[in-house]
């Protein structure tokens, strides 16, 4: 069990650009709750239709990206992210939708060459 716990908590270095690329697919609006930052409320770009393909819906609140609170990701504006799992073409994102907490697997644009 101890080995499984350390496997789950292992830090995987992920370039910050992967988070930026993920957010670039939508219109994020910061949300504050109880004096702290809760995450990003996301919206489609005008005329866009990307959110359904990302497993997301208009108005979802993104609270975590690859296991990290988005406020922590935003605050560490330099260097790699210490994700709780590898980020490739997909990433796990924790959201709040209609009062429920959900984890969705979402895609990220390919890395720039």
Protein backbone atom coordinates (compact mmCIF):
# COMPACT_ATOMS: atom_id res chain seq x y z
CA UNK A 1 0.00 0.00 0.00
CA UNK A 2 2.89 2.38 0.78
CA UNK A 3 4.34 1.83 -2.69
CA UNK A 4 0.97 2.61 -4.26
CA UNK A 5 0.67 5.84 -2.24
CA UNK A 6 4.12 7.07 -3.29
CA UNK A 7 3.31 6.18 -6.92
CA UNK A 8 0.13 8.28 -6.73
CA UNK A 9 1.87 11.24 -5.10
CA UNK A 10 4.95 11.24 -7.34
CA UNK A 11 5.71 14.57 -8.97
CA UNK A 12 5.82 14.59 -12.76
CA UNK A 13 7.43 17.69 -14.22
CA UNK A 14 5.16 19.22 -16.85
CA UNK A 15 6.00 22.42 -18.75
CA UNK A 16 3.73 25.28 -17.73
CA UNK A 17 2.99 25.89 -21.42
CA UNK A 18 0.79 22.74 -21.33
CA UNK A 19 -1.56 24.48 -18.84
CA UNK A 20 -1.52 27.66 -20.91
CA UNK A 21 -2.31 25.64 -24.07
CA UNK A 22 -5.20 23.96 -22.27
CA UNK A 23 -6.71 27.28 -21.14
CA UNK A 24 -6.20 28.84 -24.60
CA UNK A 25 -9.02 26.58 -25.88
CA UNK A 26 -11.63 28.47 -23.81
CA UNK A 27 -12.45 31.79 -22.12
CA UNK A 28 -11.48 31.42 -18.44
CA UNK A 29 -12.84 33.82 -15.80
CA UNK A 30 -11.36 33.73 -12.27
CA UNK A 31 -13.82 32.86 -9.50
CA UNK A 32 -13.30 33.86 -5.87
CA UNK A 33 -15.07 32.24 -2.94
CA UNK A 34 -14.70 32.75 0.83
CA UNK A 35 -11.81 35.17 0.37
CA UNK A 36 -9.82 32.77 -1.80
CA UNK A 37 -9.47 31.81 -5.42
CA UNK A 38 -11.75 28.86 -6.28
CA UNK A 39 -10.73 28.36 -9.91
CA UNK A 40 -11.71 29.34 -13.43
CA UNK A 41 -15.30 29.50 -14.70
CA UNK A 42 -15.00 28.61 -18.37
CA UNK A 43 -16.92 29.76 -21.40
CA UNK A 44 -16.85 29.07 -25.11
CA UNK A 45 -15.31 31.62 -27.45
CA UNK A 46 -17.97 33.40 -29.54
CA UNK A 47 -18.98 31.02 -32.31
CA UNK A 48 -16.87 28.25 -30.78
CA UNK A 49 -17.78 24.66 -30.08
CA UNK A 50 -14.68 23.21 -28.38
CA UNK A 51 -15.90 22.59 -24.84
CA UNK A 52 -17.94 19.41 -25.56
CA UNK A 53 -14.90 17.78 -27.23
CA UNK A 54 -12.90 18.59 -24.08
CA UNK A 55 -15.47 16.93 -21.81
CA UNK A 56 -16.45 20.37 -20.50
CA UNK A 57 -19.55 22.52 -20.54
CA UNK A 58 -20.20 26.24 -20.62
CA UNK A 59 -20.04 27.53 -17.04
CA UNK A 60 -17.99 24.65 -15.56
CA UNK A 61 -15.64 25.71 -12.76
CA UNK A 62 -12.16 24.24 -13.22
CA UNK A 63 -10.64 23.75 -9.77
CA UNK A 64 -7.67 21.42 -10.45
CA UNK A 65 -5.36 20.69 -13.39
CA UNK A 66 -3.40 17.40 -13.23
CA UNK A 67 -4.08 17.19 -9.49
CA UNK A 68 -2.94 20.74 -8.70
CA UNK A 69 -5.28 23.52 -7.58
CA UNK A 70 -5.47 26.02 -10.47
CA UNK A 71 -4.67 28.86 -8.06
CA UNK A 72 -1.37 27.11 -7.29
CA UNK A 73 -0.69 26.65 -11.02
CA UNK A 74 -1.45 30.32 -11.68
CA UNK A 75 0.76 31.51 -8.80
CA UNK A 76 3.74 29.46 -10.00
CA UNK A 77 3.98 31.48 -13.20
CA UNK A 78 7.50 30.26 -13.94
CA UNK A 79 9.02 26.82 -14.34
CA UNK A 80 7.52 23.39 -14.64
CA UNK A 81 4.39 22.20 -12.85
CA UNK A 82 4.62 19.32 -10.38
CA UNK A 83 1.69 17.28 -11.65
CA UNK A 84 0.28 14.20 -9.95
CA UNK A 85 0.28 12.34 -13.26
CA UNK A 86 1.79 12.57 -16.71
CA UNK A 87 0.33 15.15 -19.07
CA UNK A 88 0.43 14.13 -22.71
CA UNK A 89 -2.37 14.73 -25.17
CA UNK A 90 -4.85 14.41 -22.29
CA UNK A 91 -5.01 15.57 -18.69
CA UNK A 92 -7.34 15.02 -15.74
CA UNK A 93 -9.19 18.16 -14.75
CA UNK A 94 -11.36 18.50 -11.62
CA UNK A 95 -14.44 20.64 -12.13
CA UNK A 96 -17.61 21.72 -10.39
CA UNK A 97 -20.75 21.45 -12.51
CA UNK A 98 -24.24 22.17 -11.14
CA UNK A 99 -23.01 21.74 -7.56
CA UNK A 100 -21.28 18.39 -8.25
CA UNK A 101 -17.54 17.74 -8.22
CA UNK A 102 -16.37 15.77 -11.24
CA UNK A 103 -13.08 14.63 -12.75
CA UNK A 104 -12.93 14.72 -16.53
CA UNK A 105 -10.25 13.65 -18.97
CA UNK A 106 -9.60 16.53 -21.33
CA UNK A 107 -7.36 17.05 -24.35
CA UNK A 108 -4.58 19.58 -24.77
CA UNK A 109 -3.34 21.03 -28.07
CA UNK A 110 -0.14 19.36 -29.32
CA UNK A 111 3.17 20.76 -28.13
CA UNK A 112 4.65 23.39 -30.40
CA UNK A 113 7.76 22.14 -32.20
